[in-house]
Amino acid sequence: MSAIRYFVTFLSVARHGSFAAAAEEVCLTQAAVGLQMRSLERDLDLVLFDRAARSVSLSAQGRAVLPLAETLVANYRQILATGDAGELSGTVRVGALVSSLMGAFADAMLKLKQRYAGLDLKLFTGLSSDFAARVESGELDAAIVAQSPSALPAALKWTMLYSEPMVFISPAGAPHASIDALLEEPFIRFDRHTWTGVLVDNALRQLGTARNEIMELNSIEAITEMVRRGFGVSIVPLLANANWTRESGLQVTPLPQRVTPRRVGLLERRDHPREAFTDAVKRHFIDTAELSSSSNDSPGRTRVN
């Protein structure tokens, strides 16, 4: 058991190139990570890392061990999952956008936990682009991410769960303005290197150029706070759970329907031992959509087209 933990730590160090970053990910101190890696090197009689003052990198022997360690850890997790195919139990490691945990996905996780008492969820927040490699390597069982702007590796598959339209947000005290006028205001851009940032770039190409970009952030929550405080305006996805009203300090301006929405979905490997969990997540969103559709079609309720 302890040897497996050492290989999990080894994979984290290899991915981050830093004992400190690996320590944060595996919930150990930096010193403990160093001790584990020295112990692993001693047991294997190999030098796994080339160590520098502020970073580490895999040695030639470390690079040879890496794919074997990935297979070992993946097989161990599959052994733990043996016998759980008929019910949801055991530990599942899931990456999630912070914005998804504030609403739709959090609701799904709560219902699954209530239904399956033996399910132990480990949630990790981050950016969509960072999660792809972690899911592919088997470090994460799945992740809730925005749709990738480019093709995913063949080993991965993505299933859409819900979509969020892109909107302009501005301070609540400002008078209503046209999109052209909003593009003249100080503009807070979502990090263009992220998958959501690519959607913002696409929207700007369709609408026009923001004339005065003043900052670039990689958090929707940080952007909305800057807008509330009057720093400027921004284009962001309208979060499925957002309560963005004048009372909350924000004013929302819808964008034309031609602007591509942000699609949020489940990223997983095509073959993995936690398919019972990922299937349950997808079923939750299918059932929720069917219930919503049924409610909209029920007598006495006007359907919105």
C-alpha atoms as a PDB file:
ATOM      1  CA  MET A   1       0.000   0.000   0.000  1.00  0.00           C
ATOM      2  CA  SER A   2       2.720   2.496   0.942  1.00  0.00           C
ATOM      3  CA  ALA A   3       4.638   1.688  -2.268  1.00  0.00           C
ATOM      4  CA  ILE A   4       1.555   2.561  -4.325  1.00  0.00           C
ATOM      5  CA  ARG A   5       1.313   5.908  -2.539  1.00  0.00           C
ATOM      6  CA  TYR A   6       4.950   6.550  -3.377  1.00  0.00           C
ATOM      7  CA  PHE A   7       4.252   5.920  -7.069  1.00  0.00           C
ATOM      8  CA  VAL A   8       1.239   8.273  -6.920  1.00  0.00           C
ATOM      9  CA  THR A   9       3.564  10.935  -5.488  1.00  0.00           C
ATOM     10  CA  PHE A  10       6.175  10.124  -8.148  1.00  0.00           C
ATOM     11  CA  LEU A  11       3.603  10.749 -10.905  1.00  0.00           C
ATOM     12  CA  SER A  12       2.632  14.063  -9.316  1.00  0.00           C
ATOM     13  CA  VAL A  13       6.269  15.230  -9.103  1.00  0.00           C
ATOM     14  CA  ALA A  14       6.857  14.164 -12.704  1.00  0.00           C
ATOM     15  CA  ARG A  15       3.815  16.118 -13.851  1.00  0.00           C
ATOM     16  CA  HIS A  16       4.586  19.333 -11.938  1.00  0.00           C
ATOM     17  CA  GLY A  17       8.392  19.300 -11.961  1.00  0.00           C
ATOM     18  CA  SER A  18       8.363  20.401  -8.329  1.00  0.00           C
ATOM     19  CA  PHE A  19       8.256  18.722  -4.925  1.00  0.00           C
ATOM     20  CA  ALA A  20       6.339  21.721  -3.546  1.00  0.00           C
ATOM     21  CA  ALA A  21       3.581  21.565  -6.162  1.00  0.00           C
ATOM     22  CA  ALA A  22       3.328  17.785  -5.805  1.00  0.00           C
ATOM     23  CA  ALA A  23       3.095  18.157  -2.024  1.00  0.00           C
ATOM     24  CA  GLU A  24       0.069  20.422  -2.380  1.00  0.00           C
ATOM     25  CA  GLU A  25      -1.631  17.990  -4.746  1.00  0.00           C
ATOM     26  CA  VAL A  26      -1.093  14.834  -2.669  1.00  0.00           C
ATOM     27  CA  CYS A  27      -1.670  16.583   0.689  1.00  0.00           C
ATOM     28  CA  LEU A  28       1.818  16.074   2.129  1.00  0.00           C
ATOM     29  CA  THR A  29       4.577  18.412   3.232  1.00  0.00           C
ATOM     30  CA  GLN A  30       7.370  19.148   0.790  1.00  0.00           C
ATOM     31  CA  ALA A  31       9.788  17.364   3.129  1.00  0.00           C
ATOM     32  CA  ALA A  32       7.587  14.248   3.164  1.00  0.00           C
ATOM     33  CA  VAL A  33       7.509  14.203  -0.640  1.00  0.00           C
ATOM     34  CA  GLY A  34      11.300  14.404  -0.705  1.00  0.00           C
ATOM     35  CA  LEU A  35      11.573  11.533   1.771  1.00  0.00           C
ATOM     36  CA  GLN A  36       9.156   9.388  -0.238  1.00  0.00           C
ATOM     37  CA  MET A  37      11.072   9.947  -3.466  1.00  0.00           C
ATOM     38  CA  ARG A  38      14.433   9.157  -1.868  1.00  0.00           C
ATOM     39  CA  SER A  39      12.930   6.003  -0.370  1.00  0.00           C
ATOM     40  CA  LEU A  40      11.483   4.996  -3.745  1.00  0.00           C
ATOM     41  CA  GLU A  41      14.827   5.573  -5.470  1.00  0.00           C
ATOM     42  CA  ARG A  42      16.561   3.484  -2.812  1.00  0.00           C
ATOM     43  CA  ASP A  43      14.065   0.618  -3.079  1.00  0.00           C
ATOM     44  CA  LEU A  44      14.275   0.587  -6.887  1.00  0.00           C
ATOM     45  CA  ASP A  45      18.041   1.235  -6.927  1.00  0.00           C
ATOM     46  CA  LEU A  46      17.407   3.931  -9.538  1.00  0.00           C
ATOM     47  CA  VAL A  47      17.944   7.686  -9.856  1.00  0.00           C
ATOM     48  CA  LEU A  48      14.508   8.965 -10.858  1.00  0.00           C
ATOM     49  CA  PHE A  49      15.149  12.724 -10.862  1.00  0.00           C
ATOM     50  CA  ASP A  50      17.711  15.293 -11.893  1.00  0.00           C
ATOM     51  CA  ARG A  51      17.503  17.777  -9.016  1.00  0.00           C
ATOM     52  CA  ALA A  52      18.083  21.533  -9.370  1.00  0.00           C
ATOM     53  CA  ALA A  53      17.823  24.327  -6.801  1.00  0.00           C
ATOM     54  CA  ARG A  54      14.177  25.200  -7.536  1.00  0.00           C
ATOM     55  CA  SER A  55      12.898  22.315  -9.655  1.00  0.00           C
ATOM     56  CA  VAL A  56      13.296  18.661 -10.506  1.00  0.00           C
ATOM     57  CA  SER A  57      13.027  16.821 -13.807  1.00  0.00           C
ATOM     58  CA  LEU A  58      12.896  13.161 -14.700  1.00  0.00           C
ATOM     59  CA  SER A  59      16.213  11.463 -15.293  1.00  0.00           C
ATOM     60  CA  ALA A  60      16.628   8.953 -18.120  1.00  0.00           C
ATOM     61  CA  GLN A  61      15.745   6.198 -15.639  1.00  0.00           C
ATOM     62  CA  GLY A  62      12.782   8.209 -14.385  1.00  0.00           C
ATOM     63  CA  ARG A  63      11.434   8.594 -17.926  1.00  0.00           C
ATOM     64  CA  ALA A  64      11.690   4.829 -18.409  1.00  0.00           C
ATOM     65  CA  VAL A  65       9.790   4.194 -15.164  1.00  0.00           C
ATOM     66  CA  LEU A  66       7.022   6.774 -15.860  1.00  0.00           C
ATOM     67  CA  PRO A  67       4.738   4.702 -18.176  1.00  0.00           C
ATOM     68  CA  LEU A  68       5.165   1.649 -15.939  1.00  0.00           C
ATOM     69  CA  ALA A  69       4.186   3.685 -12.870  1.00  0.00           C
ATOM     70  CA  GLU A  70       1.117   5.081 -14.680  1.00  0.00           C
ATOM     71  CA  THR A  71      -0.012   1.562 -15.532  1.00  0.00           C
ATOM     72  CA  LEU A  72       0.676   0.333 -12.001  1.00  0.00           C
ATOM     73  CA  VAL A  73      -1.384   3.086 -10.356  1.00  0.00           C
ATOM     74  CA  ALA A  74      -4.225   2.713 -12.885  1.00  0.00           C
ATOM     75  CA  ASN A  75      -4.361  -1.059 -12.313  1.00  0.00           C
ATOM     76  CA  TYR A  76      -4.354  -0.577  -8.544  1.00  0.00           C
ATOM     77  CA  ARG A  77      -7.313   1.802  -8.759  1.00  0.00           C
ATOM     78  CA  GLN A  78      -9.106  -0.690 -10.985  1.00  0.00           C
ATOM     79  CA  ILE A  79      -8.552  -3.415  -8.364  1.00  0.00           C
ATOM     80  CA  LEU A  80     -10.118  -1.141  -5.721  1.00  0.00           C
ATOM     81  CA  ALA A  81     -13.122  -0.668  -7.987  1.00  0.00           C
ATOM     82  CA  THR A  82     -13.635  -4.441  -8.456  1.00  0.00           C
ATOM     83  CA  GLY A  83     -17.059  -5.454  -7.232  1.00  0.00           C
ATOM     84  CA  ASP A  84     -18.400  -1.884  -7.275  1.00  0.00           C
ATOM     85  CA  ALA A  85     -19.847  -2.067 -10.792  1.00  0.00           C
ATOM     86  CA  GLY A  86     -23.366  -2.635  -9.503  1.00  0.00           C
ATOM     87  CA  GLU A  87     -23.368   0.174  -6.957  1.00  0.00           C
ATOM     88  CA  LEU A  88     -21.545   3.429  -6.367  1.00  0.00           C
ATOM     89  CA  SER A  89     -19.024   3.176  -3.557  1.00  0.00           C
ATOM     90  CA  GLY A  90     -15.389   3.816  -2.863  1.00  0.00           C
ATOM     91  CA  THR A  91     -13.282   6.851  -3.714  1.00  0.00           C
ATOM     92  CA  VAL A  92     -13.821   8.776  -6.955  1.00  0.00           C
ATOM     93  CA  ARG A  93     -11.430  11.598  -7.876  1.00  0.00           C
ATOM     94  CA  VAL A  94     -13.110  14.335  -9.925  1.00  0.00           C
ATOM     95  CA  GLY A  95     -11.817  17.621 -11.282  1.00  0.00           C
ATOM     96  CA  ALA A  96     -14.284  20.483 -11.635  1.00  0.00           C
ATOM     97  CA  LEU A  97     -14.462  24.083 -12.738  1.00  0.00           C
ATOM     98  CA  VAL A  98     -15.088  26.315  -9.729  1.00  0.00           C
ATOM     99  CA  SER A  99     -18.144  27.720 -11.508  1.00  0.00           C
ATOM    100  CA  SER A 100     -19.643  24.212 -11.896  1.00  0.00           C
ATOM    101  CA  LEU A 101     -19.328  23.608  -8.149  1.00  0.00           C
ATOM    102  CA  MET A 102     -21.411  26.712  -7.491  1.00  0.00           C
ATOM    103  CA  GLY A 103     -24.487  25.258  -9.139  1.00  0.00           C
ATOM    104  CA  ALA A 104     -25.555  22.487 -11.494  1.00  0.00           C
ATOM    105  CA  PHE A 105     -22.759  19.985 -10.855  1.00  0.00           C
ATOM    106  CA  ALA A 106     -22.831  20.579  -7.090  1.00  0.00           C
ATOM    107  CA  ASP A 107     -26.534  19.676  -7.113  1.00  0.00           C
ATOM    108  CA  ALA A 108     -25.724  16.435  -8.946  1.00  0.00           C
ATOM    109  CA  MET A 109     -22.990  15.518  -6.467  1.00  0.00           C
ATOM    110  CA  LEU A 110     -25.259  16.174  -3.478  1.00  0.00           C
ATOM    111  CA  LYS A 111     -27.957  13.893  -4.855  1.00  0.00           C
ATOM    112  CA  LEU A 112     -25.475  11.115  -5.624  1.00  0.00           C
ATOM    113  CA  LYS A 113     -23.995  11.349  -2.128  1.00  0.00           C
ATOM    114  CA  GLN A 114     -27.466  11.193  -0.590  1.00  0.00           C
ATOM    115  CA  ARG A 115     -28.328   8.118  -2.658  1.00  0.00           C
ATOM    116  CA  TYR A 116     -25.017   6.248  -2.276  1.00  0.00           C
ATOM    117  CA  ALA A 117     -23.697   6.431   1.278  1.00  0.00           C
ATOM    118  CA  GLY A 118     -20.534   4.499   0.388  1.00  0.00           C
ATOM    119  CA  LEU A 119     -19.448   7.001  -2.263  1.00  0.00           C
ATOM    120  CA  ASP A 120     -16.388   9.053  -1.281  1.00  0.00           C
ATOM    121  CA  LEU A 121     -15.920  12.045  -3.589  1.00  0.00           C
ATOM    122  CA  LYS A 122     -12.575  13.816  -3.845  1.00  0.00           C
ATOM    123  CA  LEU A 123     -13.074  17.082  -5.742  1.00  0.00           C
ATOM    124  CA  PHE A 124     -10.246  19.142  -7.233  1.00  0.00           C
ATOM    125  CA  THR A 125     -10.802  22.590  -8.709  1.00  0.00           C
ATOM    126  CA  GLY A 126      -8.869  24.014 -11.630  1.00  0.00           C
ATOM    127  CA  LEU A 127      -8.933  24.922 -15.324  1.00  0.00           C
ATOM    128  CA  SER A 128     -10.382  22.755 -18.089  1.00  0.00           C
ATOM    129  CA  SER A 129      -7.107  22.599 -20.014  1.00  0.00           C
ATOM    130  CA  ASP A 130      -5.213  21.330 -16.943  1.00  0.00           C
ATOM    131  CA  PHE A 131      -7.696  18.539 -16.255  1.00  0.00           C
ATOM    132  CA  ALA A 132      -7.371  16.823 -19.649  1.00  0.00           C
ATOM    133  CA  ALA A 133      -3.861  15.496 -18.973  1.00  0.00           C
ATOM    134  CA  ARG A 134      -4.796  14.450 -15.438  1.00  0.00           C
ATOM    135  CA  VAL A 135      -7.814  12.467 -16.654  1.00  0.00           C
ATOM    136  CA  GLU A 136      -5.805  10.867 -19.460  1.00  0.00           C
ATOM    137  CA  SER A 137      -3.063   9.763 -17.036  1.00  0.00           C
ATOM    138  CA  GLY A 138      -5.625   8.228 -14.651  1.00  0.00           C
ATOM    139  CA  GLU A 139      -4.833  10.624 -11.814  1.00  0.00           C
ATOM    140  CA  LEU A 140      -8.462  11.791 -12.024  1.00  0.00           C
ATOM    141  CA  ASP A 141     -11.392   9.502 -12.794  1.00  0.00           C
ATOM    142  CA  ALA A 142     -13.273  12.294 -14.565  1.00  0.00           C
ATOM    143  CA  ALA A 143     -13.579  16.073 -14.786  1.00  0.00           C
ATOM    144  CA  ILE A 144     -16.285  18.658 -15.402  1.00  0.00           C
ATOM    145  CA  VAL A 145     -14.857  20.925 -18.093  1.00  0.00           C
ATOM    146  CA  ALA A 146     -15.782  23.309 -20.870  1.00  0.00           C
ATOM    147  CA  GLN A 147     -15.796  21.877 -24.374  1.00  0.00           C
ATOM    148  CA  SER A 148     -12.282  21.806 -25.788  1.00  0.00           C
ATOM    149  CA  PRO A 149     -11.622  24.178 -28.712  1.00  0.00           C
ATOM    150  CA  SER A 150      -9.386  21.501 -30.274  1.00  0.00           C
ATOM    151  CA  ALA A 151      -9.522  17.742 -30.727  1.00  0.00           C
ATOM    152  CA  LEU A 152      -9.075  15.679 -27.576  1.00  0.00           C
ATOM    153  CA  PRO A 153      -6.629  12.749 -27.326  1.00  0.00           C
ATOM    154  CA  ALA A 154      -8.116   9.530 -28.712  1.00  0.00           C
ATOM    155  CA  ALA A 155      -8.183   7.977 -25.216  1.00  0.00           C
ATOM    156  CA  LEU A 156     -10.642  10.618 -23.920  1.00  0.00           C
ATOM    157  CA  LYS A 157     -14.316  11.308 -24.495  1.00  0.00           C
ATOM    158  CA  TRP A 158     -16.448  14.321 -23.550  1.00  0.00           C
ATOM    159  CA  THR A 159     -20.211  14.347 -22.987  1.00  0.00           C
ATOM    160  CA  MET A 160     -22.117  17.627 -22.828  1.00  0.00           C
ATOM    161  CA  LEU A 161     -24.167  18.130 -19.650  1.00  0.00           C
ATOM    162  CA  TYR A 162     -25.466  21.700 -20.054  1.00  0.00           C
ATOM    163  CA  SER A 163     -24.701  24.966 -21.826  1.00  0.00           C
ATOM    164  CA  GLU A 164     -24.320  28.585 -20.706  1.00  0.00           C
ATOM    165  CA  PRO A 165     -24.872  31.539 -23.085  1.00  0.00           C
ATOM    166  CA  MET A 166     -22.145  34.157 -23.324  1.00  0.00           C
ATOM    167  CA  VAL A 167     -23.248  37.567 -22.003  1.00  0.00           C
ATOM    168  CA  PHE A 168     -21.899  41.064 -21.399  1.00  0.00           C
ATOM    169  CA  ILE A 169     -21.764  42.039 -17.733  1.00  0.00           C
ATOM    170  CA  SER A 170     -21.437  45.631 -16.542  1.00  0.00           C
ATOM    171  CA  PRO A 171     -21.863  47.474 -13.208  1.00  0.00           C
ATOM    172  CA  ALA A 172     -25.479  47.672 -12.069  1.00  0.00           C
ATOM    173  CA  GLY A 173     -25.387  51.458 -11.691  1.00  0.00           C
ATOM    174  CA  ALA A 174     -24.444  52.077 -15.312  1.00  0.00           C
ATOM    175  CA  PRO A 175     -27.169  53.009 -17.805  1.00  0.00           C
ATOM    176  CA  HIS A 176     -28.202  50.339 -20.306  1.00  0.00           C
ATOM    177  CA  ALA A 177     -25.936  50.498 -23.346  1.00  0.00           C
ATOM    178  CA  SER A 178     -25.676  48.862 -26.741  1.00  0.00           C
ATOM    179  CA  ILE A 179     -23.046  46.196 -27.370  1.00  0.00           C
ATOM    180  CA  ASP A 180     -21.070  48.688 -29.481  1.00  0.00           C
ATOM    181  CA  ALA A 181     -21.068  51.127 -26.565  1.00  0.00           C
ATOM    182  CA  LEU A 182     -20.031  48.393 -24.109  1.00  0.00           C
ATOM    183  CA  LEU A 183     -17.067  47.524 -26.320  1.00  0.00           C
ATOM    184  CA  GLU A 184     -15.822  51.081 -25.776  1.00  0.00           C
ATOM    185  CA  GLU A 185     -15.741  50.628 -21.985  1.00  0.00           C
ATOM    186  CA  PRO A 186     -12.677  49.377 -20.044  1.00  0.00           C
ATOM    187  CA  PHE A 187     -12.707  45.639 -20.778  1.00  0.00           C
ATOM    188  CA  ILE A 188     -11.737  42.808 -18.408  1.00  0.00           C
ATOM    189  CA  ARG A 189     -10.757  39.789 -20.493  1.00  0.00           C
ATOM    190  CA  PHE A 190     -11.008  36.135 -19.515  1.00  0.00           C
ATOM    191  CA  ASP A 191      -7.563  34.497 -19.854  1.00  0.00           C
ATOM    192  CA  ARG A 192      -7.174  33.920 -23.598  1.00  0.00           C
ATOM    193  CA  HIS A 193      -5.066  30.782 -23.015  1.00  0.00           C
ATOM    194  CA  THR A 194      -7.988  28.913 -21.404  1.00  0.00           C
ATOM    195  CA  TRP A 195     -10.804  27.102 -23.161  1.00  0.00           C
ATOM    196  CA  THR A 196     -13.358  29.658 -21.942  1.00  0.00           C
ATOM    197  CA  GLY A 197     -10.993  32.430 -23.074  1.00  0.00           C
ATOM    198  CA  VAL A 198     -11.132  31.016 -26.600  1.00  0.00           C
ATOM    199  CA  LEU A 199     -14.936  31.384 -26.523  1.00  0.00           C
ATOM    200  CA  VAL A 200     -14.564  35.027 -25.449  1.00  0.00           C
ATOM    201  CA  ASP A 201     -12.147  35.593 -28.349  1.00  0.00           C
ATOM    202  CA  ASN A 202     -14.685  34.056 -30.733  1.00  0.00           C
ATOM    203  CA  ALA A 203     -17.419  36.319 -29.365  1.00  0.00           C
ATOM    204  CA  LEU A 204     -15.239  39.405 -29.817  1.00  0.00           C
ATOM    205  CA  ARG A 205     -14.472  38.411 -33.403  1.00  0.00           C
ATOM    206  CA  GLN A 206     -18.213  38.274 -34.079  1.00  0.00           C
ATOM    207  CA  LEU A 207     -19.131  41.435 -32.171  1.00  0.00           C
ATOM    208  CA  GLY A 208     -16.130  43.709 -32.660  1.00  0.00           C
ATOM    209  CA  THR A 209     -12.886  44.494 -30.854  1.00  0.00           C
ATOM    210  CA  ALA A 210     -12.745  45.590 -27.219  1.00  0.00           C
ATOM    211  CA  ARG A 211     -11.007  48.967 -27.479  1.00  0.00           C
ATOM    212  CA  ASN A 212      -9.559  49.266 -23.983  1.00  0.00           C
ATOM    213  CA  GLU A 213      -8.464  46.013 -22.324  1.00  0.00           C
ATOM    214  CA  ILE A 214      -7.347  46.752 -18.766  1.00  0.00           C
ATOM    215  CA  MET A 215      -6.736  43.310 -17.239  1.00  0.00           C
ATOM    216  CA  GLU A 216      -6.853  39.574 -17.934  1.00  0.00           C
ATOM    217  CA  LEU A 217      -8.074  37.083 -15.303  1.00  0.00           C
ATOM    218  CA  ASN A 218      -8.709  33.332 -15.318  1.00  0.00           C
ATOM    219  CA  SER A 219     -11.624  33.289 -12.864  1.00  0.00           C
ATOM    220  CA  ILE A 220     -15.243  34.167 -13.624  1.00  0.00           C
ATOM    221  CA  GLU A 221     -15.764  34.910  -9.950  1.00  0.00           C
ATOM    222  CA  ALA A 222     -12.843  37.375  -9.901  1.00  0.00           C
ATOM    223  CA  ILE A 223     -14.082  39.054 -13.086  1.00  0.00           C
ATOM    224  CA  THR A 224     -17.615  39.521 -11.747  1.00  0.00           C
ATOM    225  CA  GLU A 225     -16.212  41.082  -8.572  1.00  0.00           C
ATOM    226  CA  MET A 226     -14.078  43.530 -10.590  1.00  0.00           C
ATOM    227  CA  VAL A 227     -17.129  44.463 -12.662  1.00  0.00           C
ATOM    228  CA  ARG A 228     -19.277  44.941  -9.532  1.00  0.00           C
ATOM    229  CA  ARG A 229     -16.663  47.350  -8.202  1.00  0.00           C
ATOM    230  CA  GLY A 230     -16.849  49.421 -11.381  1.00  0.00           C
ATOM    231  CA  PHE A 231     -13.483  48.587 -12.959  1.00  0.00           C
ATOM    232  CA  GLY A 232     -15.033  47.797 -16.326  1.00  0.00           C
ATOM    233  CA  VAL A 233     -17.150  45.356 -18.321  1.00  0.00           C
ATOM    234  CA  SER A 234     -16.601  41.801 -19.513  1.00  0.00           C
ATOM    235  CA  ILE A 235     -17.916  38.922 -21.612  1.00  0.00           C
ATOM    236  CA  VAL A 236     -18.403  35.705 -19.623  1.00  0.00           C
ATOM    237  CA  PRO A 237     -20.651  32.622 -19.632  1.00  0.00           C
ATOM    238  CA  LEU A 238     -23.951  33.165 -17.830  1.00  0.00           C
ATOM    239  CA  LEU A 239     -23.429  30.571 -15.091  1.00  0.00           C
ATOM    240  CA  ALA A 240     -26.234  28.063 -14.736  1.00  0.00           C
ATOM    241  CA  ASN A 241     -26.693  29.092 -11.106  1.00  0.00           C
ATOM    242  CA  ALA A 242     -25.863  32.801 -11.422  1.00  0.00           C
ATOM    243  CA  ASN A 243     -27.999  35.367  -9.619  1.00  0.00           C
ATOM    244  CA  TRP A 244     -26.687  38.300 -11.633  1.00  0.00           C
ATOM    245  CA  THR A 245     -29.224  41.064 -11.081  1.00  0.00           C
ATOM    246  CA  ARG A 246     -29.092  44.791 -10.444  1.00  0.00           C
ATOM    247  CA  GLU A 247     -29.584  43.970  -6.774  1.00  0.00           C
ATOM    248  CA  SER A 248     -26.421  41.827  -6.855  1.00  0.00           C
ATOM    249  CA  GLY A 249     -24.457  44.678  -8.429  1.00  0.00           C
ATOM    250  CA  LEU A 250     -24.377  43.396 -12.007  1.00  0.00           C
ATOM    251  CA  GLN A 251     -26.215  44.203 -15.197  1.00  0.00           C
ATOM    252  CA  VAL A 252     -26.472  41.479 -17.849  1.00  0.00           C
ATOM    253  CA  THR A 253     -26.738  42.202 -21.574  1.00  0.00           C
ATOM    254  CA  PRO A 254     -27.557  39.153 -23.741  1.00  0.00           C
ATOM    255  CA  LEU A 255     -25.456  38.591 -26.844  1.00  0.00           C
ATOM    256  CA  PRO A 256     -26.865  37.644 -30.269  1.00  0.00           C
ATOM    257  CA  GLN A 257     -27.792  33.970 -30.668  1.00  0.00           C
ATOM    258  CA  ARG A 258     -25.035  33.509 -33.241  1.00  0.00           C
ATOM    259  CA  VAL A 259     -22.423  33.793 -30.474  1.00  0.00           C
ATOM    260  CA  THR A 260     -21.352  30.294 -29.416  1.00  0.00           C
ATOM    261  CA  PRO A 261     -22.336  29.403 -25.828  1.00  0.00           C
ATOM    262  CA  ARG A 262     -20.031  27.684 -23.348  1.00  0.00           C
ATOM    263  CA  ARG A 263     -20.844  23.987 -23.284  1.00  0.00           C
ATOM    264  CA  VAL A 264     -19.951  22.214 -20.027  1.00  0.00           C
ATOM    265  CA  GLY A 265     -19.548  18.467 -19.943  1.00  0.00           C
ATOM    266  CA  LEU A 266     -18.017  15.345 -18.437  1.00  0.00           C
ATOM    267  CA  LEU A 267     -14.509  14.372 -19.518  1.00  0.00           C
ATOM    268  CA  GLU A 268     -13.439  10.757 -18.970  1.00  0.00           C
ATOM    269  CA  ARG A 269     -11.294   8.027 -20.468  1.00  0.00           C
ATOM    270  CA  ARG A 270     -13.007   5.770 -22.981  1.00  0.00           C
ATOM    271  CA  ASP A 271     -12.278   2.782 -20.773  1.00  0.00           C
ATOM    272  CA  HIS A 272     -11.981   3.243 -17.005  1.00  0.00           C
ATOM    273  CA  PRO A 273     -13.111   1.524 -13.788  1.00  0.00           C
ATOM    274  CA  ARG A 274     -15.445   4.306 -12.604  1.00  0.00           C
ATOM    275  CA  GLU A 275     -17.985   4.206 -15.415  1.00  0.00           C
ATOM    276  CA  ALA A 276     -20.802   3.496 -12.944  1.00  0.00           C
ATOM    277  CA  PHE A 277     -20.132   6.926 -11.437  1.00  0.00           C
ATOM    278  CA  THR A 278     -19.798   8.822 -14.725  1.00  0.00           C
ATOM    279  CA  ASP A 279     -22.910   7.113 -16.089  1.00  0.00           C
ATOM    280  CA  ALA A 280     -24.822   8.201 -12.964  1.00  0.00           C
ATOM    281  CA  VAL A 281     -23.694  11.822 -13.450  1.00  0.00           C
ATOM    282  CA  LYS A 282     -24.810  11.811 -17.086  1.00  0.00           C
ATOM    283  CA  ARG A 283     -28.125  10.183 -16.151  1.00  0.00           C
ATOM    284  CA  HIS A 284     -28.747  12.900 -13.535  1.00  0.00           C
ATOM    285  CA  PHE A 285     -28.466  15.639 -16.151  1.00  0.00           C
ATOM    286  CA  ILE A 286     -30.605  13.725 -18.655  1.00  0.00           C
ATOM    287  CA  ASP A 287     -33.319  13.234 -16.012  1.00  0.00           C
ATOM    288  CA  THR A 288     -33.098  16.907 -14.977  1.00  0.00           C
ATOM    289  CA  ALA A 289     -33.487  18.051 -18.591  1.00  0.00           C
ATOM    290  CA  GLU A 290     -36.438  15.698 -19.141  1.00  0.00           C
ATOM    291  CA  LEU A 291     -38.115  16.934 -15.948  1.00  0.00           C
ATOM    292  CA  SER A 292     -37.629  20.550 -17.014  1.00  0.00           C
ATOM    293  CA  SER A 293     -39.029  19.813 -20.466  1.00  0.00           C
ATOM    294  CA  SER A 294     -42.023  18.028 -18.965  1.00  0.00           C
ATOM    295  CA  SER A 295     -42.705  20.965 -16.629  1.00  0.00           C
ATOM    296  CA  ASN A 296     -42.563  23.430 -19.521  1.00  0.00           C
ATOM    297  CA  ASP A 297     -45.024  21.322 -21.531  1.00  0.00           C
ATOM    298  CA  SER A 298     -47.487  20.780 -18.671  1.00  0.00           C
ATOM    299  CA  PRO A 299     -50.996  22.362 -18.812  1.00  0.00           C
ATOM    300  CA  GLY A 300     -51.194  25.885 -17.494  1.00  0.00           C
ATOM    301  CA  ARG A 301     -47.529  26.601 -18.232  1.00  0.00           C
ATOM    302  CA  THR A 302     -46.345  28.659 -21.179  1.00  0.00           C
ATOM    303  CA  ARG A 303     -43.456  27.148 -23.087  1.00  0.00           C
ATOM    304  CA  VAL A 304     -40.648  29.528 -23.963  1.00  0.00           C
ATOM    305  CA  ASN A 305     -39.194  29.099 -27.476  1.00  0.00           C
END
